[in-house]
């Protein structure tokens, strides 16, 4: 059951990354966020970074749930990298709502 949930969460993370790429390429913003977002580039980057971080976290838990084979320590570094990417994306999402000077 863990595999189904983690694969669904990975699909959602890739969807968030896709929205970020669309935002960077075209300036597109979700309808419910158009009133708050004042910097579309920072908003697109925030989607890409937070989606990539969430994807890394999901991959870590997907691989770690198969019995403990951690691929020679590479997988152990995937969790902190994912957490840092997710936090940077969250901070950028807040920056996207601040007005320019």
C-alpha atoms as a PDB file:
ATOM      1  CA  UNK A   1       0.000   0.000   0.000  1.00  0.00           C
ATOM      2  CA  UNK A   2       2.937   2.322   0.657  1.00  0.00           C
ATOM      3  CA  UNK A   3       3.975   2.031  -2.968  1.00  0.00           C
ATOM      4  CA  UNK A   4       0.605   3.206  -4.255  1.00  0.00           C
ATOM      5  CA  UNK A   5       0.506   6.244  -1.992  1.00  0.00           C
ATOM      6  CA  UNK A   6       4.120   7.207  -2.678  1.00  0.00           C
ATOM      7  CA  UNK A   7       3.715   6.831  -6.439  1.00  0.00           C
ATOM      8  CA  UNK A   8       0.601   9.025  -6.339  1.00  0.00           C
ATOM      9  CA  UNK A   9       2.512  11.641  -4.326  1.00  0.00           C
ATOM     10  CA  UNK A  10       5.379  11.472  -6.831  1.00  0.00           C
ATOM     11  CA  UNK A  11       2.909  12.098  -9.660  1.00  0.00           C
ATOM     12  CA  UNK A  12       1.582  15.137  -7.793  1.00  0.00           C
ATOM     13  CA  UNK A  13       5.141  16.399  -7.289  1.00  0.00           C
ATOM     14  CA  UNK A  14       5.841  16.077 -11.020  1.00  0.00           C
ATOM     15  CA  UNK A  15       2.616  17.970 -11.710  1.00  0.00           C
ATOM     16  CA  UNK A  16       3.815  20.804  -9.480  1.00  0.00           C
ATOM     17  CA  UNK A  17       7.114  20.878 -11.374  1.00  0.00           C
ATOM     18  CA  UNK A  18       5.173  20.996 -14.646  1.00  0.00           C
ATOM     19  CA  UNK A  19       3.155  23.978 -13.396  1.00  0.00           C
ATOM     20  CA  UNK A  20       6.423  25.706 -12.496  1.00  0.00           C
ATOM     21  CA  UNK A  21       7.879  25.107 -15.948  1.00  0.00           C
ATOM     22  CA  UNK A  22       4.695  26.442 -17.535  1.00  0.00           C
ATOM     23  CA  UNK A  23       4.869  29.463 -15.254  1.00  0.00           C
ATOM     24  CA  UNK A  24       8.453  30.220 -16.220  1.00  0.00           C
ATOM     25  CA  UNK A  25       7.930  29.660 -19.930  1.00  0.00           C
ATOM     26  CA  UNK A  26       4.670  31.574 -20.362  1.00  0.00           C
ATOM     27  CA  UNK A  27       4.074  33.562 -17.182  1.00  0.00           C
ATOM     28  CA  UNK A  28       0.987  31.485 -16.432  1.00  0.00           C
ATOM     29  CA  UNK A  29      -0.286  31.479 -12.839  1.00  0.00           C
ATOM     30  CA  UNK A  30      -3.158  29.485 -11.342  1.00  0.00           C
ATOM     31  CA  UNK A  31      -6.442  31.339 -11.263  1.00  0.00           C
ATOM     32  CA  UNK A  32      -6.679  31.264  -7.465  1.00  0.00           C
ATOM     33  CA  UNK A  33      -3.162  32.704  -7.079  1.00  0.00           C
ATOM     34  CA  UNK A  34      -3.336  35.538  -9.600  1.00  0.00           C
ATOM     35  CA  UNK A  35      -4.368  38.167  -7.084  1.00  0.00           C
ATOM     36  CA  UNK A  36      -1.492  37.446  -4.696  1.00  0.00           C
ATOM     37  CA  UNK A  37       1.458  36.702  -6.987  1.00  0.00           C
ATOM     38  CA  UNK A  38       3.406  39.793  -7.977  1.00  0.00           C
ATOM     39  CA  UNK A  39       6.597  38.126  -9.253  1.00  0.00           C
ATOM     40  CA  UNK A  40       5.831  35.329 -11.730  1.00  0.00           C
ATOM     41  CA  UNK A  41       9.462  34.246 -12.174  1.00  0.00           C
ATOM     42  CA  UNK A  42       9.970  33.668  -8.455  1.00  0.00           C
ATOM     43  CA  UNK A  43       6.624  31.899  -8.343  1.00  0.00           C
ATOM     44  CA  UNK A  44       7.606  29.531 -11.182  1.00  0.00           C
ATOM     45  CA  UNK A  45      10.967  28.797  -9.580  1.00  0.00           C
ATOM     46  CA  UNK A  46       9.248  28.107  -6.271  1.00  0.00           C
ATOM     47  CA  UNK A  47       7.029  25.503  -7.912  1.00  0.00           C
ATOM     48  CA  UNK A  48      10.011  23.835  -9.577  1.00  0.00           C
ATOM     49  CA  UNK A  49      12.143  23.728  -6.425  1.00  0.00           C
ATOM     50  CA  UNK A  50       9.403  22.656  -4.033  1.00  0.00           C
ATOM     51  CA  UNK A  51       8.123  20.005  -6.463  1.00  0.00           C
ATOM     52  CA  UNK A  52      11.650  18.660  -6.992  1.00  0.00           C
ATOM     53  CA  UNK A  53      12.270  18.568  -3.258  1.00  0.00           C
ATOM     54  CA  UNK A  54       9.003  16.768  -2.603  1.00  0.00           C
ATOM     55  CA  UNK A  55       9.864  14.290  -5.358  1.00  0.00           C
ATOM     56  CA  UNK A  56      13.263  13.595  -3.737  1.00  0.00           C
ATOM     57  CA  UNK A  57      11.586  13.015  -0.373  1.00  0.00           C
ATOM     58  CA  UNK A  58       9.098  10.603  -1.935  1.00  0.00           C
ATOM     59  CA  UNK A  59      11.873   8.692  -3.737  1.00  0.00           C
ATOM     60  CA  UNK A  60      13.760   8.377  -0.455  1.00  0.00           C
ATOM     61  CA  UNK A  61      10.766   6.888   1.333  1.00  0.00           C
ATOM     62  CA  UNK A  62       9.903   4.675  -1.638  1.00  0.00           C
ATOM     63  CA  UNK A  63      13.379   3.169  -1.748  1.00  0.00           C
ATOM     64  CA  UNK A  64      13.768   3.001   2.037  1.00  0.00           C
ATOM     65  CA  UNK A  65      10.502   1.091   2.451  1.00  0.00           C
ATOM     66  CA  UNK A  66      11.710  -1.943   0.467  1.00  0.00           C
ATOM     67  CA  UNK A  67      13.582  -3.505   3.362  1.00  0.00           C
ATOM     68  CA  UNK A  68      16.433  -1.168   4.099  1.00  0.00           C
ATOM     69  CA  UNK A  69      18.700  -1.398   1.046  1.00  0.00           C
ATOM     70  CA  UNK A  70      19.923   2.189   0.831  1.00  0.00           C
ATOM     71  CA  UNK A  71      22.013   1.980  -2.376  1.00  0.00           C
ATOM     72  CA  UNK A  72      25.394   2.624  -0.808  1.00  0.00           C
ATOM     73  CA  UNK A  73      24.602   5.801   1.100  1.00  0.00           C
ATOM     74  CA  UNK A  74      23.469   7.817  -1.910  1.00  0.00           C
ATOM     75  CA  UNK A  75      19.883   7.482  -0.801  1.00  0.00           C
ATOM     76  CA  UNK A  76      20.718   8.827   2.656  1.00  0.00           C
ATOM     77  CA  UNK A  77      21.803  12.104   1.078  1.00  0.00           C
ATOM     78  CA  UNK A  78      18.583  12.344  -0.911  1.00  0.00           C
ATOM     79  CA  UNK A  79      16.442  13.188   2.131  1.00  0.00           C
ATOM     80  CA  UNK A  80      18.360  16.315   3.281  1.00  0.00           C
ATOM     81  CA  UNK A  81      18.660  17.521  -0.316  1.00  0.00           C
ATOM     82  CA  UNK A  82      14.908  17.117  -0.778  1.00  0.00           C
ATOM     83  CA  UNK A  83      14.155  18.938   2.464  1.00  0.00           C
ATOM     84  CA  UNK A  84      16.445  21.848   1.545  1.00  0.00           C
ATOM     85  CA  UNK A  85      14.934  22.149  -1.964  1.00  0.00           C
ATOM     86  CA  UNK A  86      11.421  22.070  -0.541  1.00  0.00           C
ATOM     87  CA  UNK A  87      12.228  24.773   2.031  1.00  0.00           C
ATOM     88  CA  UNK A  88      13.912  27.021  -0.554  1.00  0.00           C
ATOM     89  CA  UNK A  89      10.859  26.640  -2.801  1.00  0.00           C
ATOM     90  CA  UNK A  90       8.569  27.550   0.090  1.00  0.00           C
ATOM     91  CA  UNK A  91      10.604  30.686   0.848  1.00  0.00           C
ATOM     92  CA  UNK A  92      10.515  31.672  -2.835  1.00  0.00           C
ATOM     93  CA  UNK A  93       6.752  31.255  -2.845  1.00  0.00           C
ATOM     94  CA  UNK A  94       6.582  33.840  -0.056  1.00  0.00           C
ATOM     95  CA  UNK A  95       8.988  36.123  -1.931  1.00  0.00           C
ATOM     96  CA  UNK A  96       6.716  35.972  -4.996  1.00  0.00           C
ATOM     97  CA  UNK A  97       3.973  37.760  -3.054  1.00  0.00           C
ATOM     98  CA  UNK A  98       6.092  40.727  -1.953  1.00  0.00           C
ATOM     99  CA  UNK A  99       5.826  43.845  -4.130  1.00  0.00           C
ATOM    100  CA  UNK A 100       8.843  45.245  -5.958  1.00  0.00           C
ATOM    101  CA  UNK A 101      10.475  48.388  -4.637  1.00  0.00           C
END
